[in-house]
């Protein structure tokens, strides 16, 4: 959550998706999706107060009925745990 909040703050300060990527926080596509989500809610306005972490977490968990963040290896979790054992 700290990373998401940090990215939103950087966006409010005028940083581009490319600058956020160069800082190693997240990729450009993901930053673009996040920028659209926070723009819709008016959180890019420097005068607006950033919401609580719980509200930000809720926003990134569901977008149009789909999770924003999905793990490509989640379906292999059981197998990886067996390998690790």
PDB file of N, CA and C in Angstrom:
ATOM      1  N   UNK A   1       0.824  -1.190   0.000  1.00  0.00           N
ATOM      2  CA  UNK A   1       0.000   0.000   0.000  1.00  0.00           C
ATOM      3  C   UNK A   1       0.868   1.253   0.000  1.00  0.00           C
ATOM      4  N   UNK A   2       2.010   1.163   0.670  1.00  0.00           N
ATOM      5  CA  UNK A   2       2.906   2.314   0.736  1.00  0.00           C
ATOM      6  C   UNK A   2       3.352   2.745  -0.667  1.00  0.00           C
ATOM      7  N   UNK A   3       3.624   1.766  -1.520  1.00  0.00           N
ATOM      8  CA  UNK A   3       4.072   2.075  -2.887  1.00  0.00           C
ATOM      9  C   UNK A   3       2.969   2.780  -3.661  1.00  0.00           C
ATOM     10  N   UNK A   4       1.735   2.292  -3.543  1.00  0.00           N
ATOM     11  CA  UNK A   4       0.616   2.902  -4.265  1.00  0.00           C
ATOM     12  C   UNK A   4       0.425   4.345  -3.811  1.00  0.00           C
ATOM     13  N   UNK A   5       0.440   4.552  -2.503  1.00  0.00           N
ATOM     14  CA  UNK A   5       0.277   5.914  -1.965  1.00  0.00           C
ATOM     15  C   UNK A   5       1.418   6.810  -2.460  1.00  0.00           C
ATOM     16  N   UNK A   6       2.640   6.282  -2.463  1.00  0.00           N
ATOM     17  CA  UNK A   6       3.795   7.044  -2.938  1.00  0.00           C
ATOM     18  C   UNK A   6       3.631   7.421  -4.412  1.00  0.00           C
ATOM     19  N   UNK A   7       3.149   6.487  -5.218  1.00  0.00           N
ATOM     20  CA  UNK A   7       2.936   6.765  -6.649  1.00  0.00           C
ATOM     21  C   UNK A   7       1.874   7.842  -6.823  1.00  0.00           C
ATOM     22  N   UNK A   8       0.801   7.763  -6.063  1.00  0.00           N
ATOM     23  CA  UNK A   8      -0.255   8.780  -6.166  1.00  0.00           C
ATOM     24  C   UNK A   8       0.296  10.157  -5.800  1.00  0.00           C
ATOM     25  N   UNK A   9       1.105  10.225  -4.754  1.00  0.00           N
ATOM     26  CA  UNK A   9       1.710  11.499  -4.363  1.00  0.00           C
ATOM     27  C   UNK A   9       2.603  12.024  -5.482  1.00  0.00           C
ATOM     28  N   UNK A  10       3.392  11.157  -6.081  1.00  0.00           N
ATOM     29  CA  UNK A  10       4.263  11.581  -7.184  1.00  0.00           C
ATOM     30  C   UNK A  10       3.452  12.073  -8.380  1.00  0.00           C
ATOM     31  N   UNK A  11       2.328  11.402  -8.655  1.00  0.00           N
ATOM     32  CA  UNK A  11       1.456  11.847  -9.743  1.00  0.00           C
ATOM     33  C   UNK A  11       0.896  13.227  -9.444  1.00  0.00           C
ATOM     34  N   UNK A  12       0.524  13.448  -8.194  1.00  0.00           N
ATOM     35  CA  UNK A  12       0.003  14.762  -7.797  1.00  0.00           C
ATOM     36  C   UNK A  12       1.055  15.851  -7.958  1.00  0.00           C
ATOM     37  N   UNK A  13       2.331  15.478  -7.819  1.00  0.00           N
ATOM     38  CA  UNK A  13       3.418  16.439  -7.980  1.00  0.00           C
ATOM     39  C   UNK A  13       3.791  16.666  -9.445  1.00  0.00           C
ATOM     40  N   UNK A  14       3.123  15.934 -10.340  1.00  0.00           N
ATOM     41  CA  UNK A  14       3.329  16.163 -11.768  1.00  0.00           C
ATOM     42  C   UNK A  14       4.266  15.192 -12.450  1.00  0.00           C
ATOM     43  N   UNK A  15       4.697  14.144 -11.774  1.00  0.00           N
ATOM     44  CA  UNK A  15       5.586  13.175 -12.412  1.00  0.00           C
ATOM     45  C   UNK A  15       4.816  12.355 -13.443  1.00  0.00           C
ATOM     46  N   UNK A  16       5.493  12.014 -14.514  1.00  0.00           N
ATOM     47  CA  UNK A  16       4.888  11.219 -15.580  1.00  0.00           C
ATOM     48  C   UNK A  16       4.981   9.736 -15.238  1.00  0.00           C
ATOM     49  N   UNK A  17       4.255   8.932 -15.995  1.00  0.00           N
ATOM     50  CA  UNK A  17       4.317   7.479 -15.808  1.00  0.00           C
ATOM     51  C   UNK A  17       5.736   6.977 -16.061  1.00  0.00           C
ATOM     52  N   UNK A  18       6.407   7.584 -17.011  1.00  0.00           N
ATOM     53  CA  UNK A  18       7.777   7.186 -17.324  1.00  0.00           C
ATOM     54  C   UNK A  18       8.715   7.469 -16.150  1.00  0.00           C
ATOM     55  N   UNK A  19       8.556   8.607 -15.496  1.00  0.00           N
ATOM     56  CA  UNK A  19       9.393   8.942 -14.343  1.00  0.00           C
ATOM     57  C   UNK A  19       9.128   7.981 -13.185  1.00  0.00           C
ATOM     58  N   UNK A  20       7.883   7.610 -13.008  1.00  0.00           N
ATOM     59  CA  UNK A  20       7.519   6.661 -11.953  1.00  0.00           C
ATOM     60  C   UNK A  20       8.151   5.305 -12.237  1.00  0.00           C
ATOM     61  N   UNK A  21       8.162   4.903 -13.497  1.00  0.00           N
ATOM     62  CA  UNK A  21       8.797   3.647 -13.887  1.00  0.00           C
ATOM     63  C   UNK A  21      10.295   3.708 -13.667  1.00  0.00           C
ATOM     64  N   UNK A  22      10.914   4.818 -14.037  1.00  0.00           N
ATOM     65  CA  UNK A  22      12.358   4.962 -13.850  1.00  0.00           C
ATOM     66  C   UNK A  22      12.747   4.944 -12.376  1.00  0.00           C
ATOM     67  N   UNK A  23      11.840   5.350 -11.506  1.00  0.00           N
ATOM     68  CA  UNK A  23      12.090   5.298 -10.063  1.00  0.00           C
ATOM     69  C   UNK A  23      11.950   3.866  -9.535  1.00  0.00           C
ATOM     70  N   UNK A  24      11.446   2.956 -10.369  1.00  0.00           N
ATOM     71  CA  UNK A  24      11.328   1.556  -9.999  1.00  0.00           C
ATOM     72  C   UNK A  24      10.099   1.232  -9.166  1.00  0.00           C
ATOM     73  N   UNK A  25       9.089   2.095  -9.221  1.00  0.00           N
ATOM     74  CA  UNK A  25       7.900   1.878  -8.398  1.00  0.00           C
ATOM     75  C   UNK A  25       6.882   0.967  -9.052  1.00  0.00           C
ATOM     76  N   UNK A  26       6.653   1.139 -10.348  1.00  0.00           N
ATOM     77  CA  UNK A  26       5.734   0.277 -11.103  1.00  0.00           C
ATOM     78  C   UNK A  26       5.916   0.562 -12.582  1.00  0.00           C
ATOM     79  N   UNK A  27       5.405  -0.339 -13.413  1.00  0.00           N
ATOM     80  CA  UNK A  27       5.522  -0.190 -14.853  1.00  0.00           C
ATOM     81  C   UNK A  27       4.623   0.913 -15.404  1.00  0.00           C
ATOM     82  N   UNK A  28       4.909   1.318 -16.635  1.00  0.00           N
ATOM     83  CA  UNK A  28       4.157   2.423 -17.234  1.00  0.00           C
ATOM     84  C   UNK A  28       2.689   2.090 -17.445  1.00  0.00           C
ATOM     85  N   UNK A  29       2.403   0.882 -17.872  1.00  0.00           N
ATOM     86  CA  UNK A  29       0.999   0.510 -18.101  1.00  0.00           C
ATOM     87  C   UNK A  29       0.215   0.520 -16.796  1.00  0.00           C
ATOM     88  N   UNK A  30       0.798  -0.067 -15.777  1.00  0.00           N
ATOM     89  CA  UNK A  30       0.132  -0.114 -14.482  1.00  0.00           C
ATOM     90  C   UNK A  30      -0.035   1.294 -13.914  1.00  0.00           C
ATOM     91  N   UNK A  31       0.980   2.132 -14.107  1.00  0.00           N
ATOM     92  CA  UNK A  31       0.885   3.522 -13.651  1.00  0.00           C
ATOM     93  C   UNK A  31      -0.221   4.246 -14.409  1.00  0.00           C
ATOM     94  N   UNK A  32      -0.366   3.946 -15.689  1.00  0.00           N
ATOM     95  CA  UNK A  32      -1.429   4.561 -16.483  1.00  0.00           C
ATOM     96  C   UNK A  32      -2.813   4.174 -15.987  1.00  0.00           C
ATOM     97  N   UNK A  33      -2.970   2.892 -15.644  1.00  0.00           N
ATOM     98  CA  UNK A  33      -4.253   2.423 -15.109  1.00  0.00           C
ATOM     99  C   UNK A  33      -4.529   3.106 -13.779  1.00  0.00           C
ATOM    100  N   UNK A  34      -3.515   3.151 -12.924  1.00  0.00           N
ATOM    101  CA  UNK A  34      -3.684   3.797 -11.619  1.00  0.00           C
ATOM    102  C   UNK A  34      -4.001   5.276 -11.782  1.00  0.00           C
ATOM    103  N   UNK A  35      -3.325   5.936 -12.716  1.00  0.00           N
ATOM    104  CA  UNK A  35      -3.573   7.366 -12.938  1.00  0.00           C
ATOM    105  C   UNK A  35      -5.032   7.615 -13.326  1.00  0.00           C
ATOM    106  N   UNK A  36      -5.578   6.778 -14.196  1.00  0.00           N
ATOM    107  CA  UNK A  36      -6.977   6.931 -14.599  1.00  0.00           C
ATOM    108  C   UNK A  36      -7.920   6.727 -13.418  1.00  0.00           C
ATOM    109  N   UNK A  37      -7.623   5.731 -12.586  1.00  0.00           N
ATOM    110  CA  UNK A  37      -8.477   5.455 -11.427  1.00  0.00           C
ATOM    111  C   UNK A  37      -8.485   6.622 -10.445  1.00  0.00           C
ATOM    112  N   UNK A  38      -7.313   7.173 -10.159  1.00  0.00           N
ATOM    113  CA  UNK A  38      -7.264   8.271  -9.184  1.00  0.00           C
ATOM    114  C   UNK A  38      -7.771   9.575  -9.794  1.00  0.00           C
ATOM    115  N   UNK A  39      -7.614   9.717 -11.105  1.00  0.00           N
ATOM    116  CA  UNK A  39      -8.134  10.911 -11.782  1.00  0.00           C
ATOM    117  C   UNK A  39      -9.656  10.943 -11.722  1.00  0.00           C
ATOM    118  N   UNK A  40     -10.286   9.768 -11.915  1.00  0.00           N
ATOM    119  CA  UNK A  40     -11.744   9.671 -11.839  1.00  0.00           C
ATOM    120  C   UNK A  40     -12.268  10.089 -10.473  1.00  0.00           C
ATOM    121  N   UNK A  41     -11.481   9.828  -9.446  1.00  0.00           N
ATOM    122  CA  UNK A  41     -11.895  10.126  -8.073  1.00  0.00           C
ATOM    123  C   UNK A  41     -11.459  11.509  -7.597  1.00  0.00           C
ATOM    124  N   UNK A  42     -10.721  12.231  -8.438  1.00  0.00           N
ATOM    125  CA  UNK A  42     -10.299  13.581  -8.091  1.00  0.00           C
ATOM    126  C   UNK A  42      -9.127  13.638  -7.127  1.00  0.00           C
ATOM    127  N   UNK A  43      -8.397  12.542  -6.989  1.00  0.00           N
ATOM    128  CA  UNK A  43      -7.286  12.496  -6.042  1.00  0.00           C
ATOM    129  C   UNK A  43      -6.011  13.114  -6.587  1.00  0.00           C
ATOM    130  N   UNK A  44      -5.978  13.467  -7.864  1.00  0.00           N
ATOM    131  CA  UNK A  44      -4.785  14.108  -8.420  1.00  0.00           C
ATOM    132  C   UNK A  44      -4.735  15.596  -8.088  1.00  0.00           C
ATOM    133  N   UNK A  45      -5.833  16.141  -7.611  1.00  0.00           N
ATOM    134  CA  UNK A  45      -5.888  17.536  -7.209  1.00  0.00           C
ATOM    135  C   UNK A  45      -5.035  17.720  -5.959  1.00  0.00           C
ATOM    136  N   UNK A  46      -4.065  18.627  -6.024  1.00  0.00           N
ATOM    137  CA  UNK A  46      -3.163  18.861  -4.891  1.00  0.00           C
ATOM    138  C   UNK A  46      -3.896  19.378  -3.661  1.00  0.00           C
ATOM    139  N   UNK A  47      -5.031  19.998  -3.859  1.00  0.00           N
ATOM    140  CA  UNK A  47      -5.816  20.544  -2.749  1.00  0.00           C
ATOM    141  C   UNK A  47      -6.607  19.454  -2.021  1.00  0.00           C
ATOM    142  N   UNK A  48      -6.898  18.363  -2.720  1.00  0.00           N
ATOM    143  CA  UNK A  48      -7.706  17.290  -2.131  1.00  0.00           C
ATOM    144  C   UNK A  48      -6.880  16.488  -1.130  1.00  0.00           C
ATOM    145  N   UNK A  49      -7.543  15.984  -0.122  1.00  0.00           N
ATOM    146  CA  UNK A  49      -6.896  15.140   0.877  1.00  0.00           C
ATOM    147  C   UNK A  49      -6.896  13.711   0.357  1.00  0.00           C
ATOM    148  N   UNK A  50      -5.745  13.054   0.463  1.00  0.00           N
ATOM    149  CA  UNK A  50      -5.693  11.655   0.050  1.00  0.00           C
ATOM    150  C   UNK A  50      -6.524  10.810   1.007  1.00  0.00           C
ATOM    151  N   UNK A  51      -7.259   9.841   0.475  1.00  0.00           N
ATOM    152  CA  UNK A  51      -8.101   9.006   1.336  1.00  0.00           C
ATOM    153  C   UNK A  51      -7.255   8.045   2.180  1.00  0.00           C
ATOM    154  N   UNK A  52      -7.922   7.376   3.097  1.00  0.00           N
ATOM    155  CA  UNK A  52      -7.262   6.394   3.955  1.00  0.00           C
ATOM    156  C   UNK A  52      -6.773   5.213   3.124  1.00  0.00           C
ATOM    157  N   UNK A  53      -5.812   4.490   3.671  1.00  0.00           N
ATOM    158  CA  UNK A  53      -5.261   3.326   2.972  1.00  0.00           C
ATOM    159  C   UNK A  53      -6.328   2.301   2.623  1.00  0.00           C
ATOM    160  N   UNK A  54      -7.325   2.140   3.475  1.00  0.00           N
ATOM    161  CA  UNK A  54      -8.376   1.165   3.224  1.00  0.00           C
ATOM    162  C   UNK A  54      -9.158   1.498   1.961  1.00  0.00           C
ATOM    163  N   UNK A  55      -9.403   2.777   1.744  1.00  0.00           N
ATOM    164  CA  UNK A  55     -10.150   3.206   0.552  1.00  0.00           C
ATOM    165  C   UNK A  55      -9.307   3.007  -0.699  1.00  0.00           C
ATOM    166  N   UNK A  56      -8.019   3.315  -0.610  1.00  0.00           N
ATOM    167  CA  UNK A  56      -7.125   3.097  -1.758  1.00  0.00           C
ATOM    168  C   UNK A  56      -7.038   1.607  -2.060  1.00  0.00           C
ATOM    169  N   UNK A  57      -6.919   0.781  -1.028  1.00  0.00           N
ATOM    170  CA  UNK A  57      -6.837  -0.672  -1.218  1.00  0.00           C
ATOM    171  C   UNK A  57      -8.090  -1.203  -1.891  1.00  0.00           C
ATOM    172  N   UNK A  58      -9.230  -0.712  -1.482  1.00  0.00           N
ATOM    173  CA  UNK A  58     -10.498  -1.135  -2.089  1.00  0.00           C
ATOM    174  C   UNK A  58     -10.537  -0.745  -3.561  1.00  0.00           C
ATOM    175  N   UNK A  59     -10.043   0.442  -3.887  1.00  0.00           N
ATOM    176  CA  UNK A  59     -10.041   0.915  -5.270  1.00  0.00           C
ATOM    177  C   UNK A  59      -9.164   0.025  -6.150  1.00  0.00           C
ATOM    178  N   UNK A  60      -7.999  -0.378  -5.668  1.00  0.00           N
ATOM    179  CA  UNK A  60      -7.104  -1.155  -6.529  1.00  0.00           C
ATOM    180  C   UNK A  60      -7.478  -2.625  -6.578  1.00  0.00           C
ATOM    181  N   UNK A  61      -8.251  -3.113  -5.615  1.00  0.00           N
ATOM    182  CA  UNK A  61      -8.648  -4.520  -5.619  1.00  0.00           C
ATOM    183  C   UNK A  61      -9.675  -4.821  -6.693  1.00  0.00           C
ATOM    184  N   UNK A  62     -10.632  -3.939  -6.896  1.00  0.00           N
ATOM    185  CA  UNK A  62     -11.700  -4.221  -7.848  1.00  0.00           C
ATOM    186  C   UNK A  62     -11.828  -3.064  -8.826  1.00  0.00           C
ATOM    187  N   UNK A  63     -11.760  -3.389 -10.093  1.00  0.00           N
ATOM    188  CA  UNK A  63     -11.970  -2.408 -11.147  1.00  0.00           C
ATOM    189  C   UNK A  63     -12.775  -3.089 -12.237  1.00  0.00           C
ATOM    190  N   UNK A  64     -14.034  -2.748 -12.333  1.00  0.00           N
ATOM    191  CA  UNK A  64     -14.889  -3.380 -13.329  1.00  0.00           C
ATOM    192  C   UNK A  64     -15.103  -4.864 -13.068  1.00  0.00           C
ATOM    193  N   UNK A  65     -15.100  -5.251 -11.785  1.00  0.00           N
ATOM    194  CA  UNK A  65     -15.306  -6.648 -11.449  1.00  0.00           C
ATOM    195  C   UNK A  65     -14.053  -7.493 -11.526  1.00  0.00           C
ATOM    196  N   UNK A  66     -12.916  -6.908 -11.902  1.00  0.00           N
ATOM    197  CA  UNK A  66     -11.671  -7.655 -12.010  1.00  0.00           C
ATOM    198  C   UNK A  66     -10.637  -7.071 -11.052  1.00  0.00           C
ATOM    199  N   UNK A  67      -9.748  -7.941 -10.588  1.00  0.00           N
ATOM    200  CA  UNK A  67      -8.647  -7.457  -9.767  1.00  0.00           C
ATOM    201  C   UNK A  67      -7.674  -6.695 -10.660  1.00  0.00           C
ATOM    202  N   UNK A  68      -7.174  -5.578 -10.155  1.00  0.00           N
ATOM    203  CA  UNK A  68      -6.197  -4.800 -10.907  1.00  0.00           C
ATOM    204  C   UNK A  68      -4.860  -5.519 -10.896  1.00  0.00           C
ATOM    205  N   UNK A  69      -4.488  -6.030  -9.742  1.00  0.00           N
ATOM    206  CA  UNK A  69      -3.221  -6.733  -9.613  1.00  0.00           C
ATOM    207  C   UNK A  69      -3.488  -8.228  -9.590  1.00  0.00           C
ATOM    208  N   UNK A  70      -2.921  -8.934 -10.545  1.00  0.00           N
ATOM    209  CA  UNK A  70      -3.047 -10.386 -10.551  1.00  0.00           C
ATOM    210  C   UNK A  70      -1.657 -10.976 -10.699  1.00  0.00           C
ATOM    211  N   UNK A  71      -1.443 -12.068 -10.013  1.00  0.00           N
ATOM    212  CA  UNK A  71      -0.156 -12.750 -10.085  1.00  0.00           C
ATOM    213  C   UNK A  71      -0.207 -13.792 -11.189  1.00  0.00           C
ATOM    214  N   UNK A  72       0.813 -13.802 -12.014  1.00  0.00           N
ATOM    215  CA  UNK A  72       0.874 -14.781 -13.088  1.00  0.00           C
ATOM    216  C   UNK A  72       1.222 -16.163 -12.566  1.00  0.00           C
ATOM    217  N   UNK A  73       1.804 -16.249 -11.382  1.00  0.00           N
ATOM    218  CA  UNK A  73       2.203 -17.531 -10.826  1.00  0.00           C
ATOM    219  C   UNK A  73       1.223 -18.052  -9.778  1.00  0.00           C
ATOM    220  N   UNK A  74       0.150 -17.320  -9.538  1.00  0.00           N
ATOM    221  CA  UNK A  74      -0.802 -17.714  -8.502  1.00  0.00           C
ATOM    222  C   UNK A  74      -1.377 -19.101  -8.752  1.00  0.00           C
ATOM    223  N   UNK A  75      -1.615 -19.450  -9.995  1.00  0.00           N
ATOM    224  CA  UNK A  75      -2.181 -20.753 -10.305  1.00  0.00           C
ATOM    225  C   UNK A  75      -1.179 -21.888 -10.047  1.00  0.00           C
ATOM    226  N   UNK A  76       0.111 -21.557  -9.907  1.00  0.00           N
ATOM    227  CA  UNK A  76       1.147 -22.554  -9.659  1.00  0.00           C
ATOM    228  C   UNK A  76       1.615 -22.552  -8.202  1.00  0.00           C
ATOM    229  N   UNK A  77       0.895 -21.879  -7.329  1.00  0.00           N
ATOM    230  CA  UNK A  77       1.319 -21.719  -5.937  1.00  0.00           C
ATOM    231  C   UNK A  77       1.516 -23.061  -5.246  1.00  0.00           C
ATOM    232  N   UNK A  78       0.584 -23.971  -5.409  1.00  0.00           N
ATOM    233  CA  UNK A  78       0.680 -25.281  -4.748  1.00  0.00           C
ATOM    234  C   UNK A  78       1.936 -26.025  -5.205  1.00  0.00           C
ATOM    235  N   UNK A  79       2.166 -26.015  -6.500  1.00  0.00           N
ATOM    236  CA  UNK A  79       3.335 -26.710  -7.043  1.00  0.00           C
ATOM    237  C   UNK A  79       4.629 -26.076  -6.538  1.00  0.00           C
ATOM    238  N   UNK A  80       4.692 -24.765  -6.462  1.00  0.00           N
ATOM    239  CA  UNK A  80       5.904 -24.083  -5.997  1.00  0.00           C
ATOM    240  C   UNK A  80       6.156 -24.394  -4.527  1.00  0.00           C
ATOM    241  N   UNK A  81       5.098 -24.478  -3.732  1.00  0.00           N
ATOM    242  CA  UNK A  81       5.253 -24.816  -2.320  1.00  0.00           C
ATOM    243  C   UNK A  81       5.779 -26.237  -2.159  1.00  0.00           C
ATOM    244  N   UNK A  82       5.324 -27.134  -3.020  1.00  0.00           N
ATOM    245  CA  UNK A  82       5.842 -28.516  -2.993  1.00  0.00           C
ATOM    246  C   UNK A  82       7.316 -28.538  -3.353  1.00  0.00           C
ATOM    247  N   UNK A  83       7.719 -27.763  -4.344  1.00  0.00           N
ATOM    248  CA  UNK A  83       9.134 -27.695  -4.739  1.00  0.00           C
ATOM    249  C   UNK A  83       9.982 -27.149  -3.609  1.00  0.00           C
ATOM    250  N   UNK A  84       9.466 -26.116  -2.956  1.00  0.00           N
ATOM    251  CA  UNK A  84      10.223 -25.488  -1.878  1.00  0.00           C
ATOM    252  C   UNK A  84      10.415 -26.440  -0.688  1.00  0.00           C
ATOM    253  N   UNK A  85       9.429 -27.307  -0.482  1.00  0.00           N
ATOM    254  CA  UNK A  85       9.534 -28.272   0.619  1.00  0.00           C
ATOM    255  C   UNK A  85      10.549 -29.340   0.259  1.00  0.00           C
TER     256      UNK A  85
END
